[in-house]
Amino acid sequence: MDELLIETAMKAIRDYLRTRPDAADTVEGIHEWWITWPGEAEPLTITRAALERLEAGGELERRRIGKRELWRARREG
């Protein structure tokens, strides 16, 4: 997988949450609305990899709401 694209997605997600700390969305929503791709959108797997790395680093968390999985900034408590 392209490391530069994953890093680009991670930065875009961090930047988005910096200005909208209460935002939460699905991987598809994040891929489409939170990340500005240069040219055509990259594969969804890039966004998923970025989200999983941010989660592993303690920056994000995922919550299951019904059948949907939402990602958001990690909250304490």
PDB file of N, CA and C in Angstrom:
ATOM      1  N   MET A   1       0.856  -1.186   0.000  1.00  0.00           N
ATOM      2  CA  MET A   1       0.000   0.000   0.000  1.00  0.00           C
ATOM      3  C   MET A   1       0.899   1.245   0.000  1.00  0.00           C
ATOM      4  N   ASP A   2       0.430   2.288  -0.586  1.00  0.00           N
ATOM      5  CA  ASP A   2       1.209   3.515  -0.751  1.00  0.00           C
ATOM      6  C   ASP A   2       1.279   4.296   0.564  1.00  0.00           C
ATOM      7  N   GLU A   3       2.466   4.298   1.179  1.00  0.00           N
ATOM      8  CA  GLU A   3       2.656   4.958   2.478  1.00  0.00           C
ATOM      9  C   GLU A   3       2.389   6.464   2.408  1.00  0.00           C
ATOM     10  N   LEU A   4       2.784   7.091   1.324  1.00  0.00           N
ATOM     11  CA  LEU A   4       2.575   8.526   1.177  1.00  0.00           C
ATOM     12  C   LEU A   4       1.082   8.862   1.152  1.00  0.00           C
ATOM     13  N   LEU A   5       0.296   8.051   0.474  1.00  0.00           N
ATOM     14  CA  LEU A   5      -1.156   8.290   0.442  1.00  0.00           C
ATOM     15  C   LEU A   5      -1.788   8.083   1.818  1.00  0.00           C
ATOM     16  N   ILE A   6      -1.316   7.083   2.541  1.00  0.00           N
ATOM     17  CA  ILE A   6      -1.846   6.851   3.895  1.00  0.00           C
ATOM     18  C   ILE A   6      -1.507   8.035   4.788  1.00  0.00           C
ATOM     19  N   GLU A   7      -0.268   8.511   4.719  1.00  0.00           N
ATOM     20  CA  GLU A   7       0.139   9.679   5.517  1.00  0.00           C
ATOM     21  C   GLU A   7      -0.670  10.915   5.128  1.00  0.00           C
ATOM     22  N   THR A   8      -0.938  11.085   3.842  1.00  0.00           N
ATOM     23  CA  THR A   8      -1.748  12.209   3.365  1.00  0.00           C
ATOM     24  C   THR A   8      -3.160  12.125   3.951  1.00  0.00           C
ATOM     25  N   ALA A   9      -3.743  10.936   3.936  1.00  0.00           N
ATOM     26  CA  ALA A   9      -5.082  10.745   4.499  1.00  0.00           C
ATOM     27  C   ALA A   9      -5.080  10.995   6.003  1.00  0.00           C
ATOM     28  N   MET A  10      -4.058  10.511   6.699  1.00  0.00           N
ATOM     29  CA  MET A  10      -3.974  10.730   8.147  1.00  0.00           C
ATOM     30  C   MET A  10      -3.910  12.221   8.464  1.00  0.00           C
ATOM     31  N   LYS A  11      -3.116  12.960   7.711  1.00  0.00           N
ATOM     32  CA  LYS A  11      -3.014  14.403   7.941  1.00  0.00           C
ATOM     33  C   LYS A  11      -4.354  15.086   7.689  1.00  0.00           C
ATOM     34  N   ALA A  12      -5.039  14.703   6.622  1.00  0.00           N
ATOM     35  CA  ALA A  12      -6.336  15.305   6.305  1.00  0.00           C
ATOM     36  C   ALA A  12      -7.353  15.018   7.411  1.00  0.00           C
ATOM     37  N   ILE A  13      -7.343  13.816   7.939  1.00  0.00           N
ATOM     38  CA  ILE A  13      -8.266  13.449   9.021  1.00  0.00           C
ATOM     39  C   ILE A  13      -7.945  14.250  10.276  1.00  0.00           C
ATOM     40  N   ARG A  14      -6.677  14.355  10.615  1.00  0.00           N
ATOM     41  CA  ARG A  14      -6.275  15.163  11.778  1.00  0.00           C
ATOM     42  C   ARG A  14      -6.699  16.622  11.603  1.00  0.00           C
ATOM     43  N   ASP A  15      -6.442  17.175  10.414  1.00  0.00           N
ATOM     44  CA  ASP A  15      -6.805  18.574  10.148  1.00  0.00           C
ATOM     45  C   ASP A  15      -8.311  18.780  10.259  1.00  0.00           C
ATOM     46  N   TYR A  16      -9.075  17.851   9.722  1.00  0.00           N
ATOM     47  CA  TYR A  16     -10.533  17.950   9.775  1.00  0.00           C
ATOM     48  C   TYR A  16     -11.005  17.966  11.225  1.00  0.00           C
ATOM     49  N   LEU A  17     -10.465  17.061  12.031  1.00  0.00           N
ATOM     50  CA  LEU A  17     -10.891  16.967  13.430  1.00  0.00           C
ATOM     51  C   LEU A  17     -10.378  18.128  14.276  1.00  0.00           C
ATOM     52  N   ARG A  18      -9.295  18.738  13.865  1.00  0.00           N
ATOM     53  CA  ARG A  18      -8.786  19.896  14.595  1.00  0.00           C
ATOM     54  C   ARG A  18      -9.807  21.035  14.554  1.00  0.00           C
ATOM     55  N   THR A  19     -10.483  21.195  13.423  1.00  0.00           N
ATOM     56  CA  THR A  19     -11.472  22.279  13.291  1.00  0.00           C
ATOM     57  C   THR A  19     -12.893  21.823  13.618  1.00  0.00           C
ATOM     58  N   ARG A  20     -13.100  20.503  13.689  1.00  0.00           N
ATOM     59  CA  ARG A  20     -14.422  19.947  13.995  1.00  0.00           C
ATOM     60  C   ARG A  20     -14.258  18.786  14.983  1.00  0.00           C
ATOM     61  N   PRO A  21     -13.887  19.071  16.217  1.00  0.00           N
ATOM     62  CA  PRO A  21     -13.527  18.006  17.155  1.00  0.00           C
ATOM     63  C   PRO A  21     -14.655  17.033  17.497  1.00  0.00           C
ATOM     64  N   ASP A  22     -15.891  17.411  17.272  1.00  0.00           N
ATOM     65  CA  ASP A  22     -17.009  16.519  17.590  1.00  0.00           C
ATOM     66  C   ASP A  22     -17.504  15.728  16.388  1.00  0.00           C
ATOM     67  N   ALA A  23     -16.819  15.844  15.256  1.00  0.00           N
ATOM     68  CA  ALA A  23     -17.247  15.155  14.043  1.00  0.00           C
ATOM     69  C   ALA A  23     -17.102  13.642  14.189  1.00  0.00           C
ATOM     70  N   ALA A  24     -17.994  12.928  13.525  1.00  0.00           N
ATOM     71  CA  ALA A  24     -17.947  11.468  13.451  1.00  0.00           C
ATOM     72  C   ALA A  24     -18.574  11.059  12.130  1.00  0.00           C
ATOM     73  N   ASP A  25     -18.023  10.016  11.516  1.00  0.00           N
ATOM     74  CA  ASP A  25     -18.562   9.575  10.233  1.00  0.00           C
ATOM     75  C   ASP A  25     -18.104   8.153   9.957  1.00  0.00           C
ATOM     76  N   THR A  26     -18.703   7.567   8.928  1.00  0.00           N
ATOM     77  CA  THR A  26     -18.299   6.245   8.463  1.00  0.00           C
ATOM     78  C   THR A  26     -17.019   6.376   7.653  1.00  0.00           C
ATOM     79  N   VAL A  27     -16.385   5.259   7.379  1.00  0.00           N
ATOM     80  CA  VAL A  27     -15.178   5.297   6.551  1.00  0.00           C
ATOM     81  C   VAL A  27     -15.498   5.887   5.177  1.00  0.00           C
ATOM     82  N   GLU A  28     -16.674   5.555   4.647  1.00  0.00           N
ATOM     83  CA  GLU A  28     -17.059   6.088   3.343  1.00  0.00           C
ATOM     84  C   GLU A  28     -17.255   7.598   3.389  1.00  0.00           C
ATOM     85  N   GLY A  29     -17.893   8.090   4.444  1.00  0.00           N
ATOM     86  CA  GLY A  29     -18.097   9.531   4.593  1.00  0.00           C
ATOM     87  C   GLY A  29     -16.786  10.270   4.767  1.00  0.00           C
ATOM     88  N   ILE A  30     -15.901   9.711   5.574  1.00  0.00           N
ATOM     89  CA  ILE A  30     -14.590  10.323   5.786  1.00  0.00           C
ATOM     90  C   ILE A  30     -13.817  10.361   4.474  1.00  0.00           C
ATOM     91  N   HIS A  31     -13.856   9.270   3.751  1.00  0.00           N
ATOM     92  CA  HIS A  31     -13.156   9.169   2.469  1.00  0.00           C
ATOM     93  C   HIS A  31     -13.644  10.237   1.480  1.00  0.00           C
ATOM     94  N   GLU A  32     -14.945  10.447   1.460  1.00  0.00           N
ATOM     95  CA  GLU A  32     -15.526  11.388   0.487  1.00  0.00           C
ATOM     96  C   GLU A  32     -15.479  12.840   0.942  1.00  0.00           C
ATOM     97  N   TRP A  33     -15.743  13.096   2.237  1.00  0.00           N
ATOM     98  CA  TRP A  33     -15.948  14.471   2.694  1.00  0.00           C
ATOM     99  C   TRP A  33     -14.801  15.058   3.493  1.00  0.00           C
ATOM    100  N   TRP A  34     -14.026  14.260   4.184  1.00  0.00           N
ATOM    101  CA  TRP A  34     -12.974  14.788   5.049  1.00  0.00           C
ATOM    102  C   TRP A  34     -11.639  14.938   4.328  1.00  0.00           C
ATOM    103  N   ILE A  35     -11.451  14.170   3.267  1.00  0.00           N
ATOM    104  CA  ILE A  35     -10.155  14.135   2.592  1.00  0.00           C
ATOM    105  C   ILE A  35     -10.299  14.737   1.198  1.00  0.00           C
ATOM    106  N   THR A  36      -9.471  15.732   0.912  1.00  0.00           N
ATOM    107  CA  THR A  36      -9.437  16.313  -0.428  1.00  0.00           C
ATOM    108  C   THR A  36      -8.314  15.618  -1.186  1.00  0.00           C
ATOM    109  N   TRP A  37      -8.698  14.762  -2.105  1.00  0.00           N
ATOM    110  CA  TRP A  37      -7.714  14.012  -2.874  1.00  0.00           C
ATOM    111  C   TRP A  37      -7.265  14.839  -4.067  1.00  0.00           C
ATOM    112  N   PRO A  38      -5.982  14.819  -4.357  1.00  0.00           N
ATOM    113  CA  PRO A  38      -5.516  15.503  -5.576  1.00  0.00           C
ATOM    114  C   PRO A  38      -5.910  14.642  -6.782  1.00  0.00           C
ATOM    115  N   GLY A  39      -6.772  15.148  -7.620  1.00  0.00           N
ATOM    116  CA  GLY A  39      -7.263  14.349  -8.744  1.00  0.00           C
ATOM    117  C   GLY A  39      -8.399  13.446  -8.291  1.00  0.00           C
ATOM    118  N   GLU A  40      -8.470  12.256  -8.852  1.00  0.00           N
ATOM    119  CA  GLU A  40      -9.530  11.314  -8.494  1.00  0.00           C
ATOM    120  C   GLU A  40      -9.275  10.737  -7.107  1.00  0.00           C
ATOM    121  N   ALA A  41     -10.359  10.363  -6.441  1.00  0.00           N
ATOM    122  CA  ALA A  41     -10.234   9.782  -5.106  1.00  0.00           C
ATOM    123  C   ALA A  41      -9.435   8.483  -5.163  1.00  0.00           C
ATOM    124  N   GLU A  42      -8.643   8.268  -4.154  1.00  0.00           N
ATOM    125  CA  GLU A  42      -7.863   7.041  -4.023  1.00  0.00           C
ATOM    126  C   GLU A  42      -8.786   5.916  -3.524  1.00  0.00           C
ATOM    127  N   PRO A  43      -8.300   4.680  -3.523  1.00  0.00           N
ATOM    128  CA  PRO A  43      -9.130   3.570  -3.040  1.00  0.00           C
ATOM    129  C   PRO A  43      -9.524   3.741  -1.566  1.00  0.00           C
ATOM    130  N   LEU A  44     -10.673   3.243  -1.232  1.00  0.00           N
ATOM    131  CA  LEU A  44     -11.184   3.299   0.141  1.00  0.00           C
ATOM    132  C   LEU A  44     -10.219   2.617   1.119  1.00  0.00           C
ATOM    133  N   THR A  45      -9.455   1.658   0.654  1.00  0.00           N
ATOM    134  CA  THR A  45      -8.508   0.955   1.529  1.00  0.00           C
ATOM    135  C   THR A  45      -7.459   1.901   2.103  1.00  0.00           C
ATOM    136  N   ILE A  46      -7.130   2.975   1.387  1.00  0.00           N
ATOM    137  CA  ILE A  46      -6.182   3.964   1.894  1.00  0.00           C
ATOM    138  C   ILE A  46      -6.765   4.652   3.125  1.00  0.00           C
ATOM    139  N   THR A  47      -8.017   5.076   3.030  1.00  0.00           N
ATOM    140  CA  THR A  47      -8.673   5.749   4.160  1.00  0.00           C
ATOM    141  C   THR A  47      -8.818   4.803   5.336  1.00  0.00           C
ATOM    142  N   ARG A  48      -9.209   3.560   5.074  1.00  0.00           N
ATOM    143  CA  ARG A  48      -9.352   2.592   6.165  1.00  0.00           C
ATOM    144  C   ARG A  48      -8.008   2.372   6.860  1.00  0.00           C
ATOM    145  N   ALA A  49      -6.937   2.251   6.106  1.00  0.00           N
ATOM    146  CA  ALA A  49      -5.609   2.062   6.700  1.00  0.00           C
ATOM    147  C   ALA A  49      -5.226   3.269   7.551  1.00  0.00           C
ATOM    148  N   ALA A  50      -5.515   4.473   7.065  1.00  0.00           N
ATOM    149  CA  ALA A  50      -5.213   5.689   7.832  1.00  0.00           C
ATOM    150  C   ALA A  50      -6.003   5.707   9.133  1.00  0.00           C
ATOM    151  N   LEU A  51      -7.283   5.372   9.067  1.00  0.00           N
ATOM    152  CA  LEU A  51      -8.121   5.351  10.272  1.00  0.00           C
ATOM    153  C   LEU A  51      -7.604   4.326  11.280  1.00  0.00           C
ATOM    154  N   GLU A  52      -7.247   3.157  10.798  1.00  0.00           N
ATOM    155  CA  GLU A  52      -6.756   2.112  11.703  1.00  0.00           C
ATOM    156  C   GLU A  52      -5.431   2.509  12.358  1.00  0.00           C
ATOM    157  N   ARG A  53      -4.578   3.187  11.630  1.00  0.00           N
ATOM    158  CA  ARG A  53      -3.312   3.659  12.223  1.00  0.00           C
ATOM    159  C   ARG A  53      -3.572   4.742  13.273  1.00  0.00           C
ATOM    160  N   LEU A  54      -4.496   5.638  12.973  1.00  0.00           N
ATOM    161  CA  LEU A  54      -4.831   6.681  13.949  1.00  0.00           C
ATOM    162  C   LEU A  54      -5.479   6.065  15.190  1.00  0.00           C
ATOM    163  N   GLU A  55      -6.261   5.031  15.003  1.00  0.00           N
ATOM    164  CA  GLU A  55      -6.859   4.328  16.146  1.00  0.00           C
ATOM    165  C   GLU A  55      -5.760   3.632  16.962  1.00  0.00           C
ATOM    166  N   ALA A  56      -4.844   2.952  16.298  1.00  0.00           N
ATOM    167  CA  ALA A  56      -3.757   2.252  16.993  1.00  0.00           C
ATOM    168  C   ALA A  56      -2.876   3.228  17.767  1.00  0.00           C
ATOM    169  N   GLY A  57      -2.764   4.452  17.267  1.00  0.00           N
ATOM    170  CA  GLY A  57      -1.982   5.480  17.944  1.00  0.00           C
ATOM    171  C   GLY A  57      -2.747   6.212  19.034  1.00  0.00           C
ATOM    172  N   GLY A  58      -3.996   5.830  19.251  1.00  0.00           N
ATOM    173  CA  GLY A  58      -4.795   6.431  20.321  1.00  0.00           C
ATOM    174  C   GLY A  58      -5.456   7.751  19.957  1.00  0.00           C
ATOM    175  N   GLU A  59      -5.432   8.128  18.686  1.00  0.00           N
ATOM    176  CA  GLU A  59      -6.030   9.400  18.282  1.00  0.00           C
ATOM    177  C   GLU A  59      -7.513   9.276  17.935  1.00  0.00           C
ATOM    178  N   LEU A  60      -7.919   8.120  17.419  1.00  0.00           N
ATOM    179  CA  LEU A  60      -9.306   7.905  17.008  1.00  0.00           C
ATOM    180  C   LEU A  60      -9.890   6.703  17.728  1.00  0.00           C
ATOM    181  N   GLU A  61     -11.204   6.637  17.687  1.00  0.00           N
ATOM    182  CA  GLU A  61     -11.913   5.456  18.156  1.00  0.00           C
ATOM    183  C   GLU A  61     -13.053   5.188  17.192  1.00  0.00           C
ATOM    184  N   ARG A  62     -13.470   3.928  17.150  1.00  0.00           N
ATOM    185  CA  ARG A  62     -14.628   3.596  16.333  1.00  0.00           C
ATOM    186  C   ARG A  62     -15.741   3.105  17.239  1.00  0.00           C
ATOM    187  N   ARG A  63     -16.935   3.471  16.864  1.00  0.00           N
ATOM    188  CA  ARG A  63     -18.127   3.092  17.624  1.00  0.00           C
ATOM    189  C   ARG A  63     -19.118   2.435  16.682  1.00  0.00           C
ATOM    190  N   ARG A  64     -19.708   1.374  17.137  1.00  0.00           N
ATOM    191  CA  ARG A  64     -20.737   0.717  16.355  1.00  0.00           C
ATOM    192  C   ARG A  64     -22.094   1.265  16.815  1.00  0.00           C
ATOM    193  N   ILE A  65     -22.831   1.775  15.847  1.00  0.00           N
ATOM    194  CA  ILE A  65     -24.175   2.287  16.120  1.00  0.00           C
ATOM    195  C   ILE A  65     -25.097   1.550  15.162  1.00  0.00           C
ATOM    196  N   GLY A  66     -25.844   0.606  15.704  1.00  0.00           N
ATOM    197  CA  GLY A  66     -26.643  -0.261  14.846  1.00  0.00           C
ATOM    198  C   GLY A  66     -25.705  -1.071  13.966  1.00  0.00           C
ATOM    199  N   LYS A  67     -25.927  -1.013  12.672  1.00  0.00           N
ATOM    200  CA  LYS A  67     -25.079  -1.742  11.725  1.00  0.00           C
ATOM    201  C   LYS A  67     -23.951  -0.880  11.173  1.00  0.00           C
ATOM    202  N   ARG A  68     -23.865   0.356  11.632  1.00  0.00           N
ATOM    203  CA  ARG A  68     -22.861   1.282  11.118  1.00  0.00           C
ATOM    204  C   ARG A  68     -21.688   1.410  12.070  1.00  0.00           C
ATOM    205  N   GLU A  69     -20.519   1.611  11.499  1.00  0.00           N
ATOM    206  CA  GLU A  69     -19.305   1.835  12.271  1.00  0.00           C
ATOM    207  C   GLU A  69     -18.895   3.291  12.054  1.00  0.00           C
ATOM    208  N   LEU A  70     -18.881   4.059  13.141  1.00  0.00           N
ATOM    209  CA  LEU A  70     -18.506   5.468  13.057  1.00  0.00           C
ATOM    210  C   LEU A  70     -17.135   5.685  13.673  1.00  0.00           C
ATOM    211  N   TRP A  71     -16.387   6.571  13.063  1.00  0.00           N
ATOM    212  CA  TRP A  71     -15.060   6.950  13.539  1.00  0.00           C
ATOM    213  C   TRP A  71     -15.117   8.369  14.067  1.00  0.00           C
ATOM    214  N   ARG A  72     -14.402   8.617  15.161  1.00  0.00           N
ATOM    215  CA  ARG A  72     -14.352   9.950  15.752  1.00  0.00           C
ATOM    216  C   ARG A  72     -13.056  10.098  16.548  1.00  0.00           C
ATOM    217  N   ALA A  73     -12.778  11.331  16.945  1.00  0.00           N
ATOM    218  CA  ALA A  73     -11.620  11.569  17.804  1.00  0.00           C
ATOM    219  C   ALA A  73     -11.824  10.805  19.108  1.00  0.00           C
ATOM    220  N   ARG A  74     -10.752  10.252  19.618  1.00  0.00           N
ATOM    221  CA  ARG A  74     -10.830   9.496  20.877  1.00  0.00           C
ATOM    222  C   ARG A  74     -11.251  10.421  22.007  1.00  0.00           C
ATOM    223  N   ARG A  75     -12.158   9.940  22.814  1.00  0.00           N
ATOM    224  CA  ARG A  75     -12.632  10.707  23.951  1.00  0.00           C
ATOM    225  C   ARG A  75     -12.208   9.997  25.223  1.00  0.00           C
ATOM    226  N   GLU A  76     -11.822  10.771  26.195  1.00  0.00           N
ATOM    227  CA  GLU A  76     -11.435  10.203  27.488  1.00  0.00           C
ATOM    228  C   GLU A  76     -12.673   9.854  28.294  1.00  0.00           C
ATOM    229  N   GLY A  77     -12.559   8.754  29.027  1.00  0.00           N
ATOM    230  CA  GLY A  77     -13.644   8.396  29.934  1.00  0.00           C
ATOM    231  C   GLY A  77     -14.587   7.480  29.406  1.00  0.00           C
TER     232      GLY A  77
END
